[in-house]
Amino acid sequence: MPLIVFESPDAPAVDVSTPEGGRLVDVCDERSACIPFSCRSASCGTCRIDVLEGAELLDPPADEELDVLEIFGDDPARRRLACQVRFRGGEGRLRVRPCDD
């Protein structure tokens, strides 16, 4: 089962073991992770995250997410929208933090 580590410069890291697969936004809600959200529909970019480790555990971004990331000039291999991220099952570690720019 994947381990998700939410890092923040302002708070201690939050480690969450998750069931196989799911939506990152649901994990954030359940564990009060440090990722800010606003629209939750891939339209505002508030929940942009840096993927520090474990990008291979994530499903590829859909067109809506890619459109928003392009507006910000973000590389989808390193930055994603937490409201849109789905992670795959299996073993591994995903480390993310809120985008700082």
PDB file of N, CA and C in Angstrom:
ATOM      1  N   MET A   1       0.851  -1.166   0.000  1.00  0.00           N
ATOM      2  CA  MET A   1       0.000   0.000   0.000  1.00  0.00           C
ATOM      3  C   MET A   1       0.901   1.235   0.000  1.00  0.00           C
ATOM      4  N   PRO A   2       0.575   2.230  -0.837  1.00  0.00           N
ATOM      5  CA  PRO A   2       1.430   3.413  -0.939  1.00  0.00           C
ATOM      6  C   PRO A   2       1.464   4.223   0.356  1.00  0.00           C
ATOM      7  N   LEU A   3       2.585   4.846   0.601  1.00  0.00           N
ATOM      8  CA  LEU A   3       2.742   5.790   1.697  1.00  0.00           C
ATOM      9  C   LEU A   3       2.807   7.178   1.068  1.00  0.00           C
ATOM     10  N   ILE A   4       1.960   8.077   1.523  1.00  0.00           N
ATOM     11  CA  ILE A   4       1.985   9.451   1.026  1.00  0.00           C
ATOM     12  C   ILE A   4       2.530  10.334   2.137  1.00  0.00           C
ATOM     13  N   VAL A   5       3.537  11.124   1.794  1.00  0.00           N
ATOM     14  CA  VAL A   5       4.145  12.054   2.737  1.00  0.00           C
ATOM     15  C   VAL A   5       3.836  13.469   2.252  1.00  0.00           C
ATOM     16  N   PHE A   6       3.100  14.213   3.067  1.00  0.00           N
ATOM     17  CA  PHE A   6       2.790  15.609   2.785  1.00  0.00           C
ATOM     18  C   PHE A   6       3.795  16.459   3.542  1.00  0.00           C
ATOM     19  N   GLU A   7       4.627  17.191   2.812  1.00  0.00           N
ATOM     20  CA  GLU A   7       5.622  18.055   3.437  1.00  0.00           C
ATOM     21  C   GLU A   7       5.166  19.499   3.365  1.00  0.00           C
ATOM     22  N   SER A   8       5.584  20.278   4.346  1.00  0.00           N
ATOM     23  CA  SER A   8       5.245  21.692   4.396  1.00  0.00           C
ATOM     24  C   SER A   8       6.359  22.433   5.102  1.00  0.00           C
ATOM     25  N   PRO A   9       6.705  23.636   4.625  1.00  0.00           N
ATOM     26  CA  PRO A   9       7.721  24.408   5.337  1.00  0.00           C
ATOM     27  C   PRO A   9       7.215  24.953   6.675  1.00  0.00           C
ATOM     28  N   ASP A  10       5.892  24.973   6.857  1.00  0.00           N
ATOM     29  CA  ASP A  10       5.303  25.582   8.044  1.00  0.00           C
ATOM     30  C   ASP A  10       4.769  24.597   9.076  1.00  0.00           C
ATOM     31  N   ALA A  11       4.842  23.307   8.781  1.00  0.00           N
ATOM     32  CA  ALA A  11       4.253  22.318   9.696  1.00  0.00           C
ATOM     33  C   ALA A  11       5.018  21.003   9.571  1.00  0.00           C
ATOM     34  N   PRO A  12       4.888  20.141  10.566  1.00  0.00           N
ATOM     35  CA  PRO A  12       5.537  18.832  10.456  1.00  0.00           C
ATOM     36  C   PRO A  12       4.942  18.025   9.304  1.00  0.00           C
ATOM     37  N   ALA A  13       5.745  17.150   8.737  1.00  0.00           N
ATOM     38  CA  ALA A  13       5.267  16.283   7.660  1.00  0.00           C
ATOM     39  C   ALA A  13       4.161  15.370   8.176  1.00  0.00           C
ATOM     40  N   VAL A  14       3.227  15.054   7.289  1.00  0.00           N
ATOM     41  CA  VAL A  14       2.137  14.137   7.604  1.00  0.00           C
ATOM     42  C   VAL A  14       2.329  12.906   6.730  1.00  0.00           C
ATOM     43  N   ASP A  15       2.463  11.724   7.366  1.00  0.00           N
ATOM     44  CA  ASP A  15       2.607  10.466   6.641  1.00  0.00           C
ATOM     45  C   ASP A  15       1.287   9.718   6.693  1.00  0.00           C
ATOM     46  N   VAL A  16       0.848   9.238   5.529  1.00  0.00           N
ATOM     47  CA  VAL A  16      -0.435   8.548   5.446  1.00  0.00           C
ATOM     48  C   VAL A  16      -0.257   7.273   4.626  1.00  0.00           C
ATOM     49  N   SER A  17      -0.597   6.140   5.215  1.00  0.00           N
ATOM     50  CA  SER A  17      -0.673   4.903   4.453  1.00  0.00           C
ATOM     51  C   SER A  17      -2.074   4.827   3.863  1.00  0.00           C
ATOM     52  N   THR A  18      -2.162   4.461   2.601  1.00  0.00           N
ATOM     53  CA  THR A  18      -3.440   4.516   1.908  1.00  0.00           C
ATOM     54  C   THR A  18      -3.838   3.163   1.339  1.00  0.00           C
ATOM     55  N   PRO A  19      -5.132   2.957   1.147  1.00  0.00           N
ATOM     56  CA  PRO A  19      -5.548   1.746   0.447  1.00  0.00           C
ATOM     57  C   PRO A  19      -5.117   1.851  -1.014  1.00  0.00           C
ATOM     58  N   GLU A  20      -5.205   0.779  -1.716  1.00  0.00           N
ATOM     59  CA  GLU A  20      -4.762   0.789  -3.106  1.00  0.00           C
ATOM     60  C   GLU A  20      -5.609   1.725  -3.951  1.00  0.00           C
ATOM     61  N   GLY A  21      -4.945   2.644  -4.598  1.00  0.00           N
ATOM     62  CA  GLY A  21      -5.606   3.570  -5.497  1.00  0.00           C
ATOM     63  C   GLY A  21      -6.469   4.581  -4.779  1.00  0.00           C
ATOM     64  N   GLY A  22      -6.811   5.645  -5.486  1.00  0.00           N
ATOM     65  CA  GLY A  22      -7.688   6.636  -4.903  1.00  0.00           C
ATOM     66  C   GLY A  22      -7.370   8.031  -5.382  1.00  0.00           C
ATOM     67  N   ARG A  23      -8.074   8.977  -4.818  1.00  0.00           N
ATOM     68  CA  ARG A  23      -7.881  10.386  -5.159  1.00  0.00           C
ATOM     69  C   ARG A  23      -7.110  11.078  -4.040  1.00  0.00           C
ATOM     70  N   LEU A  24      -6.132  11.855  -4.419  1.00  0.00           N
ATOM     71  CA  LEU A  24      -5.316  12.556  -3.425  1.00  0.00           C
ATOM     72  C   LEU A  24      -6.159  13.554  -2.635  1.00  0.00           C
ATOM     73  N   VAL A  25      -7.119  14.200  -3.260  1.00  0.00           N
ATOM     74  CA  VAL A  25      -7.960  15.164  -2.568  1.00  0.00           C
ATOM     75  C   VAL A  25      -8.699  14.503  -1.409  1.00  0.00           C
ATOM     76  N   ASP A  26      -9.124  13.257  -1.579  1.00  0.00           N
ATOM     77  CA  ASP A  26      -9.814  12.553  -0.494  1.00  0.00           C
ATOM     78  C   ASP A  26      -8.887  12.298   0.690  1.00  0.00           C
ATOM     79  N   VAL A  27      -7.640  11.933   0.396  1.00  0.00           N
ATOM     80  CA  VAL A  27      -6.662  11.708   1.463  1.00  0.00           C
ATOM     81  C   VAL A  27      -6.380  13.024   2.184  1.00  0.00           C
ATOM     82  N   CYS A  28      -6.263  14.107   1.441  1.00  0.00           N
ATOM     83  CA  CYS A  28      -6.027  15.416   2.048  1.00  0.00           C
ATOM     84  C   CYS A  28      -7.165  15.789   2.992  1.00  0.00           C
ATOM     85  N   ASP A  29      -8.395  15.547   2.554  1.00  0.00           N
ATOM     86  CA  ASP A  29      -9.548  15.864   3.399  1.00  0.00           C
ATOM     87  C   ASP A  29      -9.567  15.010   4.661  1.00  0.00           C
ATOM     88  N   GLU A  30      -9.328  13.724   4.508  1.00  0.00           N
ATOM     89  CA  GLU A  30      -9.391  12.801   5.640  1.00  0.00           C
ATOM     90  C   GLU A  30      -8.321  13.079   6.682  1.00  0.00           C
ATOM     91  N   ARG A  31      -7.155  13.509   6.244  1.00  0.00           N
ATOM     92  CA  ARG A  31      -6.020  13.695   7.151  1.00  0.00           C
ATOM     93  C   ARG A  31      -5.655  15.141   7.405  1.00  0.00           C
ATOM     94  N   SER A  32      -6.448  16.061   6.931  1.00  0.00           N
ATOM     95  CA  SER A  32      -6.167  17.496   7.091  1.00  0.00           C
ATOM     96  C   SER A  32      -4.748  17.834   6.651  1.00  0.00           C
ATOM     97  N   ALA A  33      -4.382  17.346   5.487  1.00  0.00           N
ATOM     98  CA  ALA A  33      -3.050  17.607   4.947  1.00  0.00           C
ATOM     99  C   ALA A  33      -2.912  19.081   4.583  1.00  0.00           C
ATOM    100  N   CYS A  34      -1.698  19.520   4.448  1.00  0.00           N
ATOM    101  CA  CYS A  34      -1.368  20.936   4.302  1.00  0.00           C
ATOM    102  C   CYS A  34      -1.537  21.463   2.878  1.00  0.00           C
ATOM    103  N   ILE A  35      -2.335  20.844   2.051  1.00  0.00           N
ATOM    104  CA  ILE A  35      -2.529  21.285   0.674  1.00  0.00           C
ATOM    105  C   ILE A  35      -3.761  22.185   0.619  1.00  0.00           C
ATOM    106  N   PRO A  36      -3.602  23.428   0.130  1.00  0.00           N
ATOM    107  CA  PRO A  36      -4.770  24.313   0.026  1.00  0.00           C
ATOM    108  C   PRO A  36      -5.636  23.942  -1.175  1.00  0.00           C
ATOM    109  N   PHE A  37      -6.940  24.052  -1.021  1.00  0.00           N
ATOM    110  CA  PHE A  37      -7.882  23.784  -2.104  1.00  0.00           C
ATOM    111  C   PHE A  37      -8.835  24.948  -2.225  1.00  0.00           C
ATOM    112  N   SER A  38      -9.357  25.135  -3.417  1.00  0.00           N
ATOM    113  CA  SER A  38     -10.400  26.131  -3.630  1.00  0.00           C
ATOM    114  C   SER A  38     -11.502  25.510  -4.475  1.00  0.00           C
ATOM    115  N   CYS A  39     -11.312  25.434  -5.791  1.00  0.00           N
ATOM    116  CA  CYS A  39     -12.389  24.987  -6.668  1.00  0.00           C
ATOM    117  C   CYS A  39     -12.593  23.474  -6.690  1.00  0.00           C
ATOM    118  N   ARG A  40     -11.533  22.702  -6.574  1.00  0.00           N
ATOM    119  CA  ARG A  40     -11.565  21.233  -6.644  1.00  0.00           C
ATOM    120  C   ARG A  40     -12.007  20.696  -7.998  1.00  0.00           C
ATOM    121  N   SER A  41     -11.904  21.515  -9.030  1.00  0.00           N
ATOM    122  CA  SER A  41     -12.364  21.090 -10.350  1.00  0.00           C
ATOM    123  C   SER A  41     -11.388  21.430 -11.469  1.00  0.00           C
ATOM    124  N   ALA A  42     -10.123  21.565 -11.152  1.00  0.00           N
ATOM    125  CA  ALA A  42      -9.082  21.852 -12.145  1.00  0.00           C
ATOM    126  C   ALA A  42      -9.331  23.161 -12.887  1.00  0.00           C
ATOM    127  N   SER A  43      -9.709  24.200 -12.153  1.00  0.00           N
ATOM    128  CA  SER A  43      -9.897  25.472 -12.829  1.00  0.00           C
ATOM    129  C   SER A  43      -9.139  26.634 -12.192  1.00  0.00           C
ATOM    130  N   CYS A  44      -8.622  26.473 -10.961  1.00  0.00           N
ATOM    131  CA  CYS A  44      -7.997  27.641 -10.320  1.00  0.00           C
ATOM    132  C   CYS A  44      -6.488  27.491 -10.075  1.00  0.00           C
ATOM    133  N   GLY A  45      -5.994  26.294  -9.862  1.00  0.00           N
ATOM    134  CA  GLY A  45      -4.569  26.103  -9.609  1.00  0.00           C
ATOM    135  C   GLY A  45      -4.142  26.291  -8.167  1.00  0.00           C
ATOM    136  N   THR A  46      -5.071  26.535  -7.255  1.00  0.00           N
ATOM    137  CA  THR A  46      -4.738  26.734  -5.840  1.00  0.00           C
ATOM    138  C   THR A  46      -4.011  25.529  -5.252  1.00  0.00           C
ATOM    139  N   CYS A  47      -4.373  24.328  -5.677  1.00  0.00           N
ATOM    140  CA  CYS A  47      -3.840  23.105  -5.073  1.00  0.00           C
ATOM    141  C   CYS A  47      -2.621  22.542  -5.800  1.00  0.00           C
ATOM    142  N   ARG A  48      -1.897  23.390  -6.527  1.00  0.00           N
ATOM    143  CA  ARG A  48      -0.694  22.901  -7.222  1.00  0.00           C
ATOM    144  C   ARG A  48       0.296  22.351  -6.204  1.00  0.00           C
ATOM    145  N   ILE A  49       0.834  21.189  -6.518  1.00  0.00           N
ATOM    146  CA  ILE A  49       1.802  20.533  -5.635  1.00  0.00           C
ATOM    147  C   ILE A  49       3.066  20.198  -6.410  1.00  0.00           C
ATOM    148  N   ASP A  50       4.180  20.191  -5.686  1.00  0.00           N
ATOM    149  CA  ASP A  50       5.434  19.668  -6.218  1.00  0.00           C
ATOM    150  C   ASP A  50       5.485  18.193  -5.872  1.00  0.00           C
ATOM    151  N   VAL A  51       5.747  17.365  -6.861  1.00  0.00           N
ATOM    152  CA  VAL A  51       5.917  15.932  -6.638  1.00  0.00           C
ATOM    153  C   VAL A  51       7.412  15.698  -6.445  1.00  0.00           C
ATOM    154  N   LEU A  52       7.809  15.412  -5.210  1.00  0.00           N
ATOM    155  CA  LEU A  52       9.217  15.265  -4.859  1.00  0.00           C
ATOM    156  C   LEU A  52       9.725  13.838  -5.048  1.00  0.00           C
ATOM    157  N   GLU A  53       8.828  12.887  -4.971  1.00  0.00           N
ATOM    158  CA  GLU A  53       9.195  11.477  -5.076  1.00  0.00           C
ATOM    159  C   GLU A  53       7.927  10.687  -5.384  1.00  0.00           C
ATOM    160  N   GLY A  54       8.065   9.651  -6.212  1.00  0.00           N
ATOM    161  CA  GLY A  54       6.964   8.726  -6.442  1.00  0.00           C
ATOM    162  C   GLY A  54       6.014   9.086  -7.561  1.00  0.00           C
ATOM    163  N   ALA A  55       6.431   9.903  -8.513  1.00  0.00           N
ATOM    164  CA  ALA A  55       5.550  10.280  -9.625  1.00  0.00           C
ATOM    165  C   ALA A  55       5.036   9.065 -10.386  1.00  0.00           C
ATOM    166  N   GLU A  56       5.788   7.978 -10.352  1.00  0.00           N
ATOM    167  CA  GLU A  56       5.367   6.756 -11.052  1.00  0.00           C
ATOM    168  C   GLU A  56       4.143   6.116 -10.415  1.00  0.00           C
ATOM    169  N   LEU A  57       3.785   6.529  -9.204  1.00  0.00           N
ATOM    170  CA  LEU A  57       2.597   6.004  -8.527  1.00  0.00           C
ATOM    171  C   LEU A  57       1.323   6.723  -8.956  1.00  0.00           C
ATOM    172  N   LEU A  58       1.469   7.770  -9.774  1.00  0.00           N
ATOM    173  CA  LEU A  58       0.325   8.594 -10.155  1.00  0.00           C
ATOM    174  C   LEU A  58      -0.161   8.259 -11.551  1.00  0.00           C
ATOM    175  N   ASP A  59      -1.479   8.322 -11.741  1.00  0.00           N
ATOM    176  CA  ASP A  59      -2.032   8.221 -13.090  1.00  0.00           C
ATOM    177  C   ASP A  59      -1.624   9.467 -13.859  1.00  0.00           C
ATOM    178  N   PRO A  60      -1.501   9.360 -15.171  1.00  0.00           N
ATOM    179  CA  PRO A  60      -1.155  10.553 -15.966  1.00  0.00           C
ATOM    180  C   PRO A  60      -2.242  11.624 -15.839  1.00  0.00           C
ATOM    181  N   PRO A  61      -1.867  12.886 -15.985  1.00  0.00           N
ATOM    182  CA  PRO A  61      -2.866  13.955 -15.883  1.00  0.00           C
ATOM    183  C   PRO A  61      -3.831  13.933 -17.064  1.00  0.00           C
ATOM    184  N   ALA A  62      -5.084  14.274 -16.788  1.00  0.00           N
ATOM    185  CA  ALA A  62      -6.098  14.400 -17.840  1.00  0.00           C
ATOM    186  C   ALA A  62      -5.945  15.769 -18.509  1.00  0.00           C
ATOM    187  N   ASP A  63      -6.648  15.956 -19.605  1.00  0.00           N
ATOM    188  CA  ASP A  63      -6.540  17.195 -20.373  1.00  0.00           C
ATOM    189  C   ASP A  63      -6.851  18.441 -19.549  1.00  0.00           C
ATOM    190  N   GLU A  64      -7.868  18.374 -18.686  1.00  0.00           N
ATOM    191  CA  GLU A  64      -8.244  19.542 -17.884  1.00  0.00           C
ATOM    192  C   GLU A  64      -7.105  19.968 -16.965  1.00  0.00           C
ATOM    193  N   GLU A  65      -6.450  18.989 -16.358  1.00  0.00           N
ATOM    194  CA  GLU A  65      -5.326  19.296 -15.479  1.00  0.00           C
ATOM    195  C   GLU A  65      -4.163  19.866 -16.285  1.00  0.00           C
ATOM    196  N   LEU A  66      -3.884  19.273 -17.430  1.00  0.00           N
ATOM    197  CA  LEU A  66      -2.795  19.766 -18.283  1.00  0.00           C
ATOM    198  C   LEU A  66      -3.034  21.207 -18.719  1.00  0.00           C
ATOM    199  N   ASP A  67      -4.279  21.545 -19.015  1.00  0.00           N
ATOM    200  CA  ASP A  67      -4.597  22.920 -19.420  1.00  0.00           C
ATOM    201  C   ASP A  67      -4.247  23.920 -18.319  1.00  0.00           C
ATOM    202  N   VAL A  68      -4.593  23.606 -17.068  1.00  0.00           N
ATOM    203  CA  VAL A  68      -4.300  24.516 -15.959  1.00  0.00           C
ATOM    204  C   VAL A  68      -2.793  24.584 -15.713  1.00  0.00           C
ATOM    205  N   LEU A  69      -2.127  23.450 -15.720  1.00  0.00           N
ATOM    206  CA  LEU A  69      -0.677  23.448 -15.506  1.00  0.00           C
ATOM    207  C   LEU A  69       0.036  24.260 -16.588  1.00  0.00           C
ATOM    208  N   GLU A  70      -0.464  24.196 -17.810  1.00  0.00           N
ATOM    209  CA  GLU A  70       0.140  24.962 -18.901  1.00  0.00           C
ATOM    210  C   GLU A  70       0.007  26.464 -18.656  1.00  0.00           C
ATOM    211  N   ILE A  71      -1.125  26.897 -18.114  1.00  0.00           N
ATOM    212  CA  ILE A  71      -1.321  28.322 -17.808  1.00  0.00           C
ATOM    213  C   ILE A  71      -0.225  28.825 -16.873  1.00  0.00           C
ATOM    214  N   PHE A  72       0.161  28.003 -15.901  1.00  0.00           N
ATOM    215  CA  PHE A  72       1.196  28.380 -14.936  1.00  0.00           C
ATOM    216  C   PHE A  72       2.610  28.081 -15.440  1.00  0.00           C
ATOM    217  N   GLY A  73       2.723  27.432 -16.592  1.00  0.00           N
ATOM    218  CA  GLY A  73       4.034  27.069 -17.121  1.00  0.00           C
ATOM    219  C   GLY A  73       4.679  25.922 -16.367  1.00  0.00           C
ATOM    220  N   ASP A  74       3.851  25.067 -15.748  1.00  0.00           N
ATOM    221  CA  ASP A  74       4.359  23.953 -14.934  1.00  0.00           C
ATOM    222  C   ASP A  74       4.607  22.715 -15.779  1.00  0.00           C
ATOM    223  N   ASP A  75       5.629  21.976 -15.402  1.00  0.00           N
ATOM    224  CA  ASP A  75       5.954  20.687 -16.011  1.00  0.00           C
ATOM    225  C   ASP A  75       5.148  19.608 -15.292  1.00  0.00           C
ATOM    226  N   PRO A  76       4.239  18.909 -15.986  1.00  0.00           N
ATOM    227  CA  PRO A  76       3.409  17.902 -15.314  1.00  0.00           C
ATOM    228  C   PRO A  76       4.188  16.696 -14.791  1.00  0.00           C
ATOM    229  N   ALA A  77       5.445  16.585 -15.121  1.00  0.00           N
ATOM    230  CA  ALA A  77       6.273  15.514 -14.551  1.00  0.00           C
ATOM    231  C   ALA A  77       6.712  15.867 -13.132  1.00  0.00           C
ATOM    232  N   ARG A  78       6.672  17.164 -12.777  1.00  0.00           N
ATOM    233  CA  ARG A  78       7.128  17.594 -11.461  1.00  0.00           C
ATOM    234  C   ARG A  78       6.061  18.312 -10.644  1.00  0.00           C
ATOM    235  N   ARG A  79       5.032  18.801 -11.311  1.00  0.00           N
ATOM    236  CA  ARG A  79       3.999  19.563 -10.623  1.00  0.00           C
ATOM    237  C   ARG A  79       2.635  19.081 -11.083  1.00  0.00           C
ATOM    238  N   ARG A  80       1.706  18.967 -10.123  1.00  0.00           N
ATOM    239  CA  ARG A  80       0.365  18.461 -10.431  1.00  0.00           C
ATOM    240  C   ARG A  80      -0.670  19.261  -9.648  1.00  0.00           C
ATOM    241  N   LEU A  81      -1.928  19.037  -9.964  1.00  0.00           N
ATOM    242  CA  LEU A  81      -3.046  19.604  -9.209  1.00  0.00           C
ATOM    243  C   LEU A  81      -3.550  18.533  -8.261  1.00  0.00           C
ATOM    244  N   ALA A  82      -3.461  18.782  -6.976  1.00  0.00           N
ATOM    245  CA  ALA A  82      -3.854  17.771  -5.987  1.00  0.00           C
ATOM    246  C   ALA A  82      -5.325  17.389  -6.126  1.00  0.00           C
ATOM    247  N   CYS A  83      -6.160  18.304  -6.602  1.00  0.00           N
ATOM    248  CA  CYS A  83      -7.584  17.988  -6.741  1.00  0.00           C
ATOM    249  C   CYS A  83      -7.845  16.989  -7.862  1.00  0.00           C
ATOM    250  N   GLN A  84      -6.875  16.792  -8.735  1.00  0.00           N
ATOM    251  CA  GLN A  84      -7.065  15.907  -9.885  1.00  0.00           C
ATOM    252  C   GLN A  84      -6.247  14.626  -9.817  1.00  0.00           C
ATOM    253  N   VAL A  85      -5.270  14.561  -8.939  1.00  0.00           N
ATOM    254  CA  VAL A  85      -4.352  13.421  -8.880  1.00  0.00           C
ATOM    255  C   VAL A  85      -5.063  12.160  -8.400  1.00  0.00           C
ATOM    256  N   ARG A  86      -4.859  11.105  -9.140  1.00  0.00           N
ATOM    257  CA  ARG A  86      -5.277   9.757  -8.725  1.00  0.00           C
ATOM    258  C   ARG A  86      -4.005   8.935  -8.617  1.00  0.00           C
ATOM    259  N   PHE A  87      -3.892   8.194  -7.532  1.00  0.00           N
ATOM    260  CA  PHE A  87      -2.702   7.366  -7.374  1.00  0.00           C
ATOM    261  C   PHE A  87      -3.071   5.907  -7.527  1.00  0.00           C
ATOM    262  N   ARG A  88      -2.096   5.168  -8.009  1.00  0.00           N
ATOM    263  CA  ARG A  88      -2.277   3.746  -8.262  1.00  0.00           C
ATOM    264  C   ARG A  88      -1.994   2.954  -7.002  1.00  0.00           C
ATOM    265  N   GLY A  89      -2.481   1.748  -7.000  1.00  0.00           N
ATOM    266  CA  GLY A  89      -2.167   0.848  -5.896  1.00  0.00           C
ATOM    267  C   GLY A  89      -0.748   0.320  -6.017  1.00  0.00           C
ATOM    268  N   GLY A  90      -0.357  -0.466  -5.074  1.00  0.00           N
ATOM    269  CA  GLY A  90       0.982  -1.033  -5.076  1.00  0.00           C
ATOM    270  C   GLY A  90       1.852  -0.389  -4.017  1.00  0.00           C
ATOM    271  N   GLU A  91       3.055  -0.887  -3.939  1.00  0.00           N
ATOM    272  CA  GLU A  91       4.009  -0.384  -2.957  1.00  0.00           C
ATOM    273  C   GLU A  91       4.702   0.858  -3.490  1.00  0.00           C
ATOM    274  N   GLY A  92       5.119   1.707  -2.599  1.00  0.00           N
ATOM    275  CA  GLY A  92       5.889   2.881  -2.976  1.00  0.00           C
ATOM    276  C   GLY A  92       5.658   4.022  -2.018  1.00  0.00           C
ATOM    277  N   ARG A  93       6.334   5.107  -2.296  1.00  0.00           N
ATOM    278  CA  ARG A  93       6.264   6.294  -1.457  1.00  0.00           C
ATOM    279  C   ARG A  93       6.071   7.499  -2.363  1.00  0.00           C
ATOM    280  N   LEU A  94       5.080   8.292  -2.041  1.00  0.00           N
ATOM    281  CA  LEU A  94       4.794   9.526  -2.756  1.00  0.00           C
ATOM    282  C   LEU A  94       5.051  10.674  -1.799  1.00  0.00           C
ATOM    283  N   ARG A  95       5.952  11.588  -2.170  1.00  0.00           N
ATOM    284  CA  ARG A  95       6.230  12.774  -1.358  1.00  0.00           C
ATOM    285  C   ARG A  95       5.790  14.008  -2.143  1.00  0.00           C
ATOM    286  N   VAL A  96       4.951  14.824  -1.510  1.00  0.00           N
ATOM    287  CA  VAL A  96       4.465  16.041  -2.158  1.00  0.00           C
ATOM    288  C   VAL A  96       4.523  17.203  -1.168  1.00  0.00           C
ATOM    289  N   ARG A  97       4.500  18.405  -1.725  1.00  0.00           N
ATOM    290  CA  ARG A  97       4.411  19.607  -0.894  1.00  0.00           C
ATOM    291  C   ARG A  97       3.655  20.667  -1.700  1.00  0.00           C
ATOM    292  N   PRO A  98       3.028  21.601  -1.015  1.00  0.00           N
ATOM    293  CA  PRO A  98       2.336  22.675  -1.728  1.00  0.00           C
ATOM    294  C   PRO A  98       3.331  23.458  -2.586  1.00  0.00           C
ATOM    295  N   CYS A  99       2.904  23.877  -3.733  1.00  0.00           N
ATOM    296  CA  CYS A  99       3.726  24.708  -4.618  1.00  0.00           C
ATOM    297  C   CYS A  99       4.019  26.024  -3.914  1.00  0.00           C
ATOM    298  N   ASP A 100       5.253  26.485  -3.998  1.00  0.00           N
ATOM    299  CA  ASP A 100       5.609  27.698  -3.250  1.00  0.00           C
ATOM    300  C   ASP A 100       5.776  28.933  -4.122  1.00  0.00           C
ATOM    301  N   ASP A 101       5.304  28.888  -5.353  1.00  0.00           N
ATOM    302  CA  ASP A 101       5.412  30.112  -6.166  1.00  0.00           C
ATOM    303  C   ASP A 101       4.093  30.557  -6.727  1.00  0.00           C
TER     304      ASP A 101
END
